C-alpha atoms as a PDB file:
ATOM      1  CA  MET A   1     -48.454 -48.803 -31.113  1.00  0.00           C
ATOM      2  CA  THR A   2     -50.234 -50.443 -28.543  1.00  0.00           C
ATOM      3  CA  VAL A   3     -52.003 -47.978 -26.509  1.00  0.00           C
ATOM      4  CA  PHE A   4     -52.723 -48.772 -23.190  1.00  0.00           C
ATOM      5  CA  VAL A   5     -55.488 -47.966 -20.855  1.00  0.00           C
ATOM      6  CA  VAL A   6     -56.539 -47.807 -17.077  1.00  0.00           C
ATOM      7  CA  VAL A   7     -59.712 -46.914 -15.345  1.00  0.00           C
ATOM      8  CA  ALA A   8     -59.182 -46.516 -11.590  1.00  0.00           C
ATOM      9  CA  GLU A   9     -62.123 -45.409  -8.986  1.00  0.00           C
ATOM     10  CA  VAL A  10     -60.772 -43.757  -5.742  1.00  0.00           C
ATOM     11  CA  GLU A  11     -63.574 -43.537  -3.069  1.00  0.00           C
ATOM     12  CA  ALA A  12     -62.159 -41.183  -0.154  1.00  0.00           C
ATOM     13  CA  GLY A  13     -63.501 -42.559   3.348  1.00  0.00           C
ATOM     14  CA  ASP A  14     -65.706 -40.054   4.916  1.00  0.00           C
ATOM     15  CA  GLY A  15     -64.996 -36.262   6.384  1.00  0.00           C
ATOM     16  CA  HIS A  16     -61.907 -36.562   3.394  1.00  0.00           C
ATOM     17  CA  GLU A  17     -63.034 -35.723   0.681  1.00  0.00           C
ATOM     18  CA  GLU A  18     -62.021 -32.572  -0.018  1.00  0.00           C
ATOM     19  CA  THR A  19     -57.890 -34.487   1.464  1.00  0.00           C
ATOM     20  CA  MET A  20     -58.521 -36.977  -1.390  1.00  0.00           C
ATOM     21  CA  ALA A  21     -59.506 -34.483  -4.188  1.00  0.00           C
ATOM     22  CA  ALA A  22     -56.755 -31.761  -3.277  1.00  0.00           C
ATOM     23  CA  GLU A  23     -54.496 -35.084  -4.023  1.00  0.00           C
ATOM     24  CA  LEU A  24     -55.560 -36.135  -6.835  1.00  0.00           C
ATOM     25  CA  ASP A  25     -55.428 -32.814  -8.543  1.00  0.00           C
ATOM     26  CA  VAL A  26     -51.585 -32.977  -7.710  1.00  0.00           C
ATOM     27  CA  LEU A  27     -51.330 -36.642  -9.232  1.00  0.00           C
ATOM     28  CA  ALA A  28     -53.177 -35.945 -12.354  1.00  0.00           C
ATOM     29  CA  LYS A  29     -50.985 -32.825 -12.484  1.00  0.00           C
ATOM     30  CA  ALA A  30     -47.593 -35.205 -12.270  1.00  0.00           C
ATOM     31  CA  SER A  31     -49.143 -37.859 -14.326  1.00  0.00           C
ATOM     32  CA  ARG A  32     -50.145 -35.458 -17.184  1.00  0.00           C
ATOM     33  CA  ALA A  33     -46.418 -34.305 -17.365  1.00  0.00           C
ATOM     34  CA  GLU A  34     -44.222 -38.095 -17.311  1.00  0.00           C
ATOM     35  CA  ALA A  35     -43.616 -39.401 -20.574  1.00  0.00           C
ATOM     36  CA  GLY A  36     -46.023 -41.917 -22.685  1.00  0.00           C
ATOM     37  CA  CYS A  37     -48.926 -40.326 -20.646  1.00  0.00           C
ATOM     38  CA  VAL A  38     -51.402 -39.631 -23.683  1.00  0.00           C
ATOM     39  CA  GLN A  39     -54.345 -38.865 -21.591  1.00  0.00           C
ATOM     40  CA  TYR A  40     -55.141 -38.443 -17.559  1.00  0.00           C
ATOM     41  CA  SER A  41     -58.758 -37.556 -16.957  1.00  0.00           C
ATOM     42  CA  LEU A  42     -60.283 -37.364 -13.346  1.00  0.00           C
ATOM     43  CA  CYS A  43     -63.966 -37.181 -12.946  1.00  0.00           C
ATOM     44  CA  GLU A  44     -65.615 -36.791  -9.931  1.00  0.00           C
ATOM     45  CA  GLU A  45     -69.422 -39.237  -9.789  1.00  0.00           C
ATOM     46  CA  GLU A  46     -72.449 -36.892 -10.408  1.00  0.00           C
ATOM     47  CA  GLY A  47     -74.363 -37.419  -6.804  1.00  0.00           C
ATOM     48  CA  ALA A  48     -71.643 -39.075  -5.039  1.00  0.00           C
ATOM     49  CA  LEU A  49     -69.709 -36.757  -2.961  1.00  0.00           C
ATOM     50  CA  GLY A  50     -66.131 -38.775  -3.006  1.00  0.00           C
ATOM     51  CA  THR A  51     -66.067 -41.133  -5.855  1.00  0.00           C
ATOM     52  CA  TRP A  52     -63.597 -40.554  -8.763  1.00  0.00           C
ATOM     53  CA  LEU A  53     -63.478 -42.254 -11.347  1.00  0.00           C
ATOM     54  CA  ILE A  54     -59.729 -41.706 -13.273  1.00  0.00           C
ATOM     55  CA  TYR A  55     -59.378 -42.458 -17.153  1.00  0.00           C
ATOM     56  CA  GLU A  56     -55.653 -42.912 -18.405  1.00  0.00           C
ATOM     57  CA  VAL A  57     -53.966 -43.634 -21.678  1.00  0.00           C
ATOM     58  CA  TRP A  58     -49.924 -44.792 -22.369  1.00  0.00           C
ATOM     59  CA  GLN A  59     -48.348 -45.619 -25.047  1.00  0.00           C
ATOM     60  CA  SER A  60     -47.731 -48.677 -23.459  1.00  0.00           C
ATOM     61  CA  GLU A  61     -47.782 -50.431 -20.612  1.00  0.00           C
ATOM     62  CA  MET A  62     -44.007 -50.163 -19.888  1.00  0.00           C
ATOM     63  CA  HIS A  63     -44.777 -46.093 -19.741  1.00  0.00           C
ATOM     64  CA  TRP A  64     -47.706 -46.954 -16.973  1.00  0.00           C
ATOM     65  CA  ARG A  65     -45.544 -49.491 -15.279  1.00  0.00           C
ATOM     66  CA  GLN A  66     -42.849 -45.966 -14.784  1.00  0.00           C
ATOM     67  CA  HIS A  67     -45.727 -44.413 -13.457  1.00  0.00           C
ATOM     68  CA  LEU A  68     -46.135 -46.992 -10.748  1.00  0.00           C
ATOM     69  CA  GLU A  69     -42.661 -46.052  -9.789  1.00  0.00           C
ATOM     70  CA  THR A  70     -42.775 -41.928  -9.616  1.00  0.00           C
ATOM     71  CA  ASP A  71     -42.366 -40.572  -6.289  1.00  0.00           C
ATOM     72  CA  VAL A  72     -46.395 -38.705  -6.596  1.00  0.00           C
ATOM     73  CA  PHE A  73     -47.502 -41.902  -7.570  1.00  0.00           C
ATOM     74  CA  ARG A  74     -45.882 -43.296  -4.411  1.00  0.00           C
ATOM     75  CA  ALA A  75     -46.434 -41.184  -1.933  1.00  0.00           C
ATOM     76  CA  PHE A  76     -50.753 -41.847  -2.905  1.00  0.00           C
ATOM     77  CA  LYS A  77     -50.592 -45.214  -2.771  1.00  0.00           C
ATOM     78  CA  PHE A  78     -48.514 -45.903   0.832  1.00  0.00           C
ATOM     79  CA  ASP A  79     -49.288 -42.580   2.558  1.00  0.00           C
ATOM     80  CA  VAL A  80     -52.944 -41.527   0.867  1.00  0.00           C
ATOM     81  CA  LEU A  81     -54.493 -44.046   0.274  1.00  0.00           C
ATOM     82  CA  PRO A  82     -53.786 -46.072   3.573  1.00  0.00           C
ATOM     83  CA  SER A  83     -55.585 -43.212   5.828  1.00  0.00           C
ATOM     84  CA  ILE A  84     -58.495 -41.719   4.332  1.00  0.00           C
ATOM     85  CA  GLY A  85     -59.554 -43.813   0.864  1.00  0.00           C
ATOM     86  CA  ARG A  86     -59.455 -47.119  -1.491  1.00  0.00           C
ATOM     87  CA  LEU A  87     -58.238 -47.690  -4.897  1.00  0.00           C
ATOM     88  CA  SER A  88     -59.277 -50.223  -7.520  1.00  0.00           C
ATOM     89  CA  ALA A  89     -58.217 -50.571 -10.939  1.00  0.00           C
ATOM     90  CA  ARG A  90     -58.413 -52.441 -14.311  1.00  0.00           C
ATOM     91  CA  LYS A  91     -55.872 -52.258 -17.213  1.00  0.00           C
ATOM     92  CA  PHE A  92     -57.272 -52.080 -20.699  1.00  0.00           C
ATOM     93  CA  ARG A  93     -55.825 -52.347 -24.200  1.00  0.00           C
ATOM     94  CA  LEU A  94     -57.516 -50.534 -26.650  1.00  0.00           C
ATOM     95  CA  VAL A  95     -58.052 -52.823 -30.019  1.00  0.00           C
ATOM     96  CA  ARG A  96     -59.443 -50.185 -32.066  1.00  0.00           C
END
């Protein structure tokens, strides 16, 4: 099995920290319930209000790509992010 890892950083726009936190909580809970999700950790940066790191582990890239097509993720990406924040993500393959 090739494990697929995604590390994403999310930043809320000024004044939108609480809204972003609530939206990320919805996304995290839904993602953890998806097929192929091994781990979905949401971390808030110490001393940086409104900045989060998401550490995702999926059984395969296919499972992650299916995650990107879910209603919850698409709502977050297209409705939430453009109005209150930004997201950057990097993809990794577990080698050891």
